[in-house]
Amino acid sequence: MKTIELLLLDTVGNLGIVGEIVKVKPGYARNYLLPRGLAAPPTPGAVQKLSKRRAEVKAELKTQHDERRALIERLAGYELTLMRSANEQGVLYAGISQHDIAEALRAEQFDVDDQFIRIGGQIKRLDSYDVPIVIAQELRTEIKLWIVSDKPAEKLVDTVLDEEDA
């Protein structure tokens, strides 16, 4: 399999950080990296020129990683309650997505991106859920999510009893 070496001029997700020499397929280089100015052929002068920027980016990534580790530690064992409208069987009228959970966490002062929440599909029932939060391979935790009805419990019981009497 043929690959070519390129010097990254900017950080590219899942590939590398600025100043790194990476091996990529020619098509990826020709169609994505080179036209967008994200990479160039690795010359000694270019490598040296980017070494300072690479050190800055490494420091930024280290700071970001430390912040995210602290976030995971704060989230460990956290419980979040969301009130939603549901029918008598406990089925939600509108499902809850990872975006809804992330918005609720942001409202609680947690700096969480939507993609960190891993629930698969939408949540569609009143219940409690263990929601994985994955920031990176080694940065993961779970929070407890409670989905409760916005109607008082007595009203739900009354409507079920009224239906049984009918």
C-alpha atoms as a PDB file:
ATOM      1  CA  MET A   1       0.000   0.000   0.000  1.00  0.00           C
ATOM      2  CA  LYS A   2       1.453   3.324  -1.093  1.00  0.00           C
ATOM      3  CA  THR A   3       1.668   6.220   1.346  1.00  0.00           C
ATOM      4  CA  ILE A   4       3.341   9.605   1.258  1.00  0.00           C
ATOM      5  CA  GLU A   5       4.874  11.675   4.043  1.00  0.00           C
ATOM      6  CA  LEU A   6       3.532  15.140   4.737  1.00  0.00           C
ATOM      7  CA  LEU A   7       4.233  17.803   7.332  1.00  0.00           C
ATOM      8  CA  LEU A   8       1.069  18.989   9.080  1.00  0.00           C
ATOM      9  CA  LEU A   9       0.718  22.776   8.994  1.00  0.00           C
ATOM     10  CA  ASP A  10      -2.295  22.643  11.305  1.00  0.00           C
ATOM     11  CA  THR A  11      -3.742  20.146  13.770  1.00  0.00           C
ATOM     12  CA  VAL A  12      -5.954  17.569  12.019  1.00  0.00           C
ATOM     13  CA  GLY A  13      -8.310  15.468  14.138  1.00  0.00           C
ATOM     14  CA  ASN A  14      -7.459  11.741  14.229  1.00  0.00           C
ATOM     15  CA  LEU A  15      -4.249  12.394  12.298  1.00  0.00           C
ATOM     16  CA  GLY A  16      -1.820  14.575  14.248  1.00  0.00           C
ATOM     17  CA  ILE A  17      -0.854  17.970  15.561  1.00  0.00           C
ATOM     18  CA  VAL A  18       0.898  20.845  13.817  1.00  0.00           C
ATOM     19  CA  GLY A  19       4.547  20.144  12.946  1.00  0.00           C
ATOM     20  CA  GLU A  20       4.118  16.371  12.929  1.00  0.00           C
ATOM     21  CA  ILE A  21       5.239  14.317   9.930  1.00  0.00           C
ATOM     22  CA  VAL A  22       2.532  11.802   9.030  1.00  0.00           C
ATOM     23  CA  LYS A  23       2.091   9.078   6.432  1.00  0.00           C
ATOM     24  CA  VAL A  24      -1.143   9.289   4.480  1.00  0.00           C
ATOM     25  CA  LYS A  25      -2.606   7.844   1.303  1.00  0.00           C
ATOM     26  CA  PRO A  26      -1.994   9.947  -1.806  1.00  0.00           C
ATOM     27  CA  GLY A  27      -5.711  10.517  -2.408  1.00  0.00           C
ATOM     28  CA  TYR A  28      -6.246  11.909   1.099  1.00  0.00           C
ATOM     29  CA  ALA A  29      -3.283  14.227   0.629  1.00  0.00           C
ATOM     30  CA  ARG A  30      -4.306  15.319  -2.874  1.00  0.00           C
ATOM     31  CA  ASN A  31      -8.034  15.773  -2.187  1.00  0.00           C
ATOM     32  CA  TYR A  32      -8.152  17.007   1.405  1.00  0.00           C
ATOM     33  CA  LEU A  33      -4.907  17.979   3.132  1.00  0.00           C
ATOM     34  CA  LEU A  34      -3.087  19.869   0.375  1.00  0.00           C
ATOM     35  CA  PRO A  35      -6.018  21.886  -1.079  1.00  0.00           C
ATOM     36  CA  ARG A  36      -7.039  23.054   2.410  1.00  0.00           C
ATOM     37  CA  GLY A  37      -3.485  24.066   3.304  1.00  0.00           C
ATOM     38  CA  LEU A  38      -3.343  21.605   6.210  1.00  0.00           C
ATOM     39  CA  ALA A  39      -0.127  19.899   5.065  1.00  0.00           C
ATOM     40  CA  ALA A  40       2.957  20.392   2.903  1.00  0.00           C
ATOM     41  CA  PRO A  41       5.983  18.345   1.849  1.00  0.00           C
ATOM     42  CA  PRO A  42       8.374  17.954   4.805  1.00  0.00           C
ATOM     43  CA  THR A  43      11.458  20.085   4.239  1.00  0.00           C
ATOM     44  CA  PRO A  44      14.040  20.671   7.021  1.00  0.00           C
ATOM     45  CA  GLY A  45      13.335  24.418   6.972  1.00  0.00           C
ATOM     46  CA  ALA A  46       9.564  23.918   7.278  1.00  0.00           C
ATOM     47  CA  VAL A  47       9.999  21.422  10.124  1.00  0.00           C
ATOM     48  CA  GLN A  48      12.202  23.862  12.032  1.00  0.00           C
ATOM     49  CA  LYS A  49       9.830  26.756  11.361  1.00  0.00           C
ATOM     50  CA  LEU A  50       6.884  24.814  12.815  1.00  0.00           C
ATOM     51  CA  SER A  51       8.746  23.471  15.873  1.00  0.00           C
ATOM     52  CA  LYS A  52       7.833  26.530  17.999  1.00  0.00           C
ATOM     53  CA  ARG A  53       4.163  26.347  16.970  1.00  0.00           C
ATOM     54  CA  ARG A  54       4.201  22.600  17.689  1.00  0.00           C
ATOM     55  CA  ALA A  55       5.455  23.247  21.254  1.00  0.00           C
ATOM     56  CA  GLU A  56       2.661  25.818  21.778  1.00  0.00           C
ATOM     57  CA  VAL A  57       0.015  23.394  20.513  1.00  0.00           C
ATOM     58  CA  LYS A  58       1.387  20.590  22.724  1.00  0.00           C
ATOM     59  CA  ALA A  59       1.122  22.888  25.753  1.00  0.00           C
ATOM     60  CA  GLU A  60      -2.461  23.826  24.788  1.00  0.00           C
ATOM     61  CA  LEU A  61      -3.385  20.144  24.371  1.00  0.00           C
ATOM     62  CA  LYS A  62      -1.856  19.328  27.774  1.00  0.00           C
ATOM     63  CA  THR A  63      -3.884  22.120  29.402  1.00  0.00           C
ATOM     64  CA  GLN A  64      -7.041  20.972  27.620  1.00  0.00           C
ATOM     65  CA  HIS A  65      -6.424  17.364  28.711  1.00  0.00           C
ATOM     66  CA  ASP A  66      -5.969  18.446  32.350  1.00  0.00           C
ATOM     67  CA  GLU A  67      -9.211  20.480  32.205  1.00  0.00           C
ATOM     68  CA  ARG A  68     -11.074  17.519  30.731  1.00  0.00           C
ATOM     69  CA  ARG A  69      -9.673  15.160  33.386  1.00  0.00           C
ATOM     70  CA  ALA A  70     -10.965  17.559  36.072  1.00  0.00           C
ATOM     71  CA  LEU A  71     -14.360  17.645  34.298  1.00  0.00           C
ATOM     72  CA  ILE A  72     -14.578  13.846  34.297  1.00  0.00           C
ATOM     73  CA  GLU A  73     -13.721  13.770  38.010  1.00  0.00           C
ATOM     74  CA  ARG A  74     -16.482  16.331  38.727  1.00  0.00           C
ATOM     75  CA  LEU A  75     -19.001  14.366  36.628  1.00  0.00           C
ATOM     76  CA  ALA A  76     -18.267  10.984  38.247  1.00  0.00           C
ATOM     77  CA  GLY A  77     -21.380   9.890  40.129  1.00  0.00           C
ATOM     78  CA  TYR A  78     -23.329  13.033  39.153  1.00  0.00           C
ATOM     79  CA  GLU A  79     -27.125  12.719  38.986  1.00  0.00           C
ATOM     80  CA  LEU A  80     -29.171  14.785  36.545  1.00  0.00           C
ATOM     81  CA  THR A  81     -32.981  15.041  36.572  1.00  0.00           C
ATOM     82  CA  LEU A  82     -34.977  16.113  33.516  1.00  0.00           C
ATOM     83  CA  MET A  83     -38.724  16.761  33.654  1.00  0.00           C
ATOM     84  CA  ARG A  84     -40.635  15.878  30.500  1.00  0.00           C
ATOM     85  CA  SER A  85     -44.231  15.381  29.375  1.00  0.00           C
ATOM     86  CA  ALA A  86     -45.273  11.769  29.044  1.00  0.00           C
ATOM     87  CA  ASN A  87     -48.442   9.733  28.593  1.00  0.00           C
ATOM     88  CA  GLU A  88     -49.922   7.418  31.229  1.00  0.00           C
ATOM     89  CA  GLN A  89     -47.685   4.528  30.135  1.00  0.00           C
ATOM     90  CA  GLY A  90     -44.551   6.592  30.759  1.00  0.00           C
ATOM     91  CA  VAL A  91     -43.719   7.147  27.077  1.00  0.00           C
ATOM     92  CA  LEU A  92     -42.313  10.604  26.407  1.00  0.00           C
ATOM     93  CA  TYR A  93     -44.066  12.844  23.896  1.00  0.00           C
ATOM     94  CA  ALA A  94     -40.674  14.084  22.693  1.00  0.00           C
ATOM     95  CA  GLY A  95     -37.559  11.918  22.956  1.00  0.00           C
ATOM     96  CA  ILE A  96     -34.427  13.070  24.759  1.00  0.00           C
ATOM     97  CA  SER A  97     -31.282  13.305  22.638  1.00  0.00           C
ATOM     98  CA  GLN A  98     -27.623  13.620  23.554  1.00  0.00           C
ATOM     99  CA  HIS A  99     -27.956  17.337  22.757  1.00  0.00           C
ATOM    100  CA  ASP A 100     -30.700  17.715  25.408  1.00  0.00           C
ATOM    101  CA  ILE A 101     -28.518  16.005  28.018  1.00  0.00           C
ATOM    102  CA  ALA A 102     -25.484  18.130  27.074  1.00  0.00           C
ATOM    103  CA  GLU A 103     -27.592  21.328  27.280  1.00  0.00           C
ATOM    104  CA  ALA A 104     -28.806  20.352  30.763  1.00  0.00           C
ATOM    105  CA  LEU A 105     -25.221  19.643  31.882  1.00  0.00           C
ATOM    106  CA  ARG A 106     -24.045  22.979  30.462  1.00  0.00           C
ATOM    107  CA  ALA A 107     -26.829  24.666  32.454  1.00  0.00           C
ATOM    108  CA  GLU A 108     -25.294  22.988  35.541  1.00  0.00           C
ATOM    109  CA  GLN A 109     -21.876  24.561  34.717  1.00  0.00           C
ATOM    110  CA  PHE A 110     -20.307  21.468  33.109  1.00  0.00           C
ATOM    111  CA  ASP A 111     -18.450  22.295  29.874  1.00  0.00           C
ATOM    112  CA  VAL A 112     -19.622  19.242  27.893  1.00  0.00           C
ATOM    113  CA  ASP A 113     -19.794  18.874  24.104  1.00  0.00           C
ATOM    114  CA  ASP A 114     -22.719  16.981  22.593  1.00  0.00           C
ATOM    115  CA  GLN A 115     -20.429  14.283  21.167  1.00  0.00           C
ATOM    116  CA  PHE A 116     -19.173  13.353  24.669  1.00  0.00           C
ATOM    117  CA  ILE A 117     -22.636  11.974  25.565  1.00  0.00           C
ATOM    118  CA  ARG A 118     -23.003   8.367  24.359  1.00  0.00           C
ATOM    119  CA  ILE A 119     -26.618   7.218  24.464  1.00  0.00           C
ATOM    120  CA  GLY A 120     -26.956   5.653  21.015  1.00  0.00           C
ATOM    121  CA  GLY A 121     -30.483   6.708  20.104  1.00  0.00           C
ATOM    122  CA  GLN A 122     -33.100   8.857  21.780  1.00  0.00           C
ATOM    123  CA  ILE A 123     -34.480   8.143  25.240  1.00  0.00           C
ATOM    124  CA  LYS A 124     -38.246   7.690  24.987  1.00  0.00           C
ATOM    125  CA  ARG A 125     -39.444   6.530  28.428  1.00  0.00           C
ATOM    126  CA  LEU A 126     -39.677   7.822  31.990  1.00  0.00           C
ATOM    127  CA  ASP A 127     -36.978   5.936  33.901  1.00  0.00           C
ATOM    128  CA  SER A 128     -33.446   6.212  35.200  1.00  0.00           C
ATOM    129  CA  TYR A 129     -30.496   5.671  32.887  1.00  0.00           C
ATOM    130  CA  ASP A 130     -26.741   5.300  33.243  1.00  0.00           C
ATOM    131  CA  VAL A 131     -25.351   7.666  30.620  1.00  0.00           C
ATOM    132  CA  PRO A 132     -21.712   7.196  29.545  1.00  0.00           C
ATOM    133  CA  ILE A 133     -19.657  10.370  29.103  1.00  0.00           C
ATOM    134  CA  VAL A 134     -16.590   9.686  26.954  1.00  0.00           C
ATOM    135  CA  ILE A 135     -14.171  12.508  26.180  1.00  0.00           C
ATOM    136  CA  ALA A 136     -11.196  10.353  25.180  1.00  0.00           C
ATOM    137  CA  GLN A 137     -10.170   6.703  25.414  1.00  0.00           C
ATOM    138  CA  GLU A 138      -8.943   7.095  29.006  1.00  0.00           C
ATOM    139  CA  LEU A 139     -11.326   9.912  30.015  1.00  0.00           C
ATOM    140  CA  ARG A 140     -14.716   8.363  30.655  1.00  0.00           C
ATOM    141  CA  THR A 141     -17.338   8.178  33.374  1.00  0.00           C
ATOM    142  CA  GLU A 142     -21.078   7.661  33.824  1.00  0.00           C
ATOM    143  CA  ILE A 143     -23.777   9.905  35.183  1.00  0.00           C
ATOM    144  CA  LYS A 144     -27.202   8.874  36.442  1.00  0.00           C
ATOM    145  CA  LEU A 145     -30.023  10.425  34.398  1.00  0.00           C
ATOM    146  CA  TRP A 146     -33.520  10.534  35.860  1.00  0.00           C
ATOM    147  CA  ILE A 147     -36.355  11.229  33.437  1.00  0.00           C
ATOM    148  CA  VAL A 148     -39.429  12.212  35.467  1.00  0.00           C
ATOM    149  CA  SER A 149     -42.895  13.344  34.470  1.00  0.00           C
ATOM    150  CA  ASP A 150     -43.777  17.015  34.617  1.00  0.00           C
ATOM    151  CA  LYS A 151     -47.208  16.003  35.992  1.00  0.00           C
ATOM    152  CA  PRO A 152     -47.510  15.383  39.724  1.00  0.00           C
ATOM    153  CA  ALA A 153     -47.471  11.657  40.570  1.00  0.00           C
ATOM    154  CA  GLU A 154     -51.027  11.827  42.004  1.00  0.00           C
ATOM    155  CA  LYS A 155     -52.375  13.050  38.660  1.00  0.00           C
ATOM    156  CA  LEU A 156     -50.770  10.132  36.838  1.00  0.00           C
ATOM    157  CA  VAL A 157     -52.259   7.696  39.365  1.00  0.00           C
ATOM    158  CA  ASP A 158     -55.665   9.422  39.177  1.00  0.00           C
ATOM    159  CA  THR A 159     -55.813   9.234  35.392  1.00  0.00           C
ATOM    160  CA  VAL A 160     -54.874   5.537  35.456  1.00  0.00           C
ATOM    161  CA  LEU A 161     -57.530   4.869  38.163  1.00  0.00           C
ATOM    162  CA  ASP A 162     -60.151   6.863  36.229  1.00  0.00           C
ATOM    163  CA  GLU A 163     -59.470   4.766  33.118  1.00  0.00           C
ATOM    164  CA  GLU A 164     -59.796   1.529  35.119  1.00  0.00           C
ATOM    165  CA  ASP A 165     -63.187   2.632  36.510  1.00  0.00           C
ATOM    166  CA  ALA A 166     -64.519   3.416  33.018  1.00  0.00           C
END
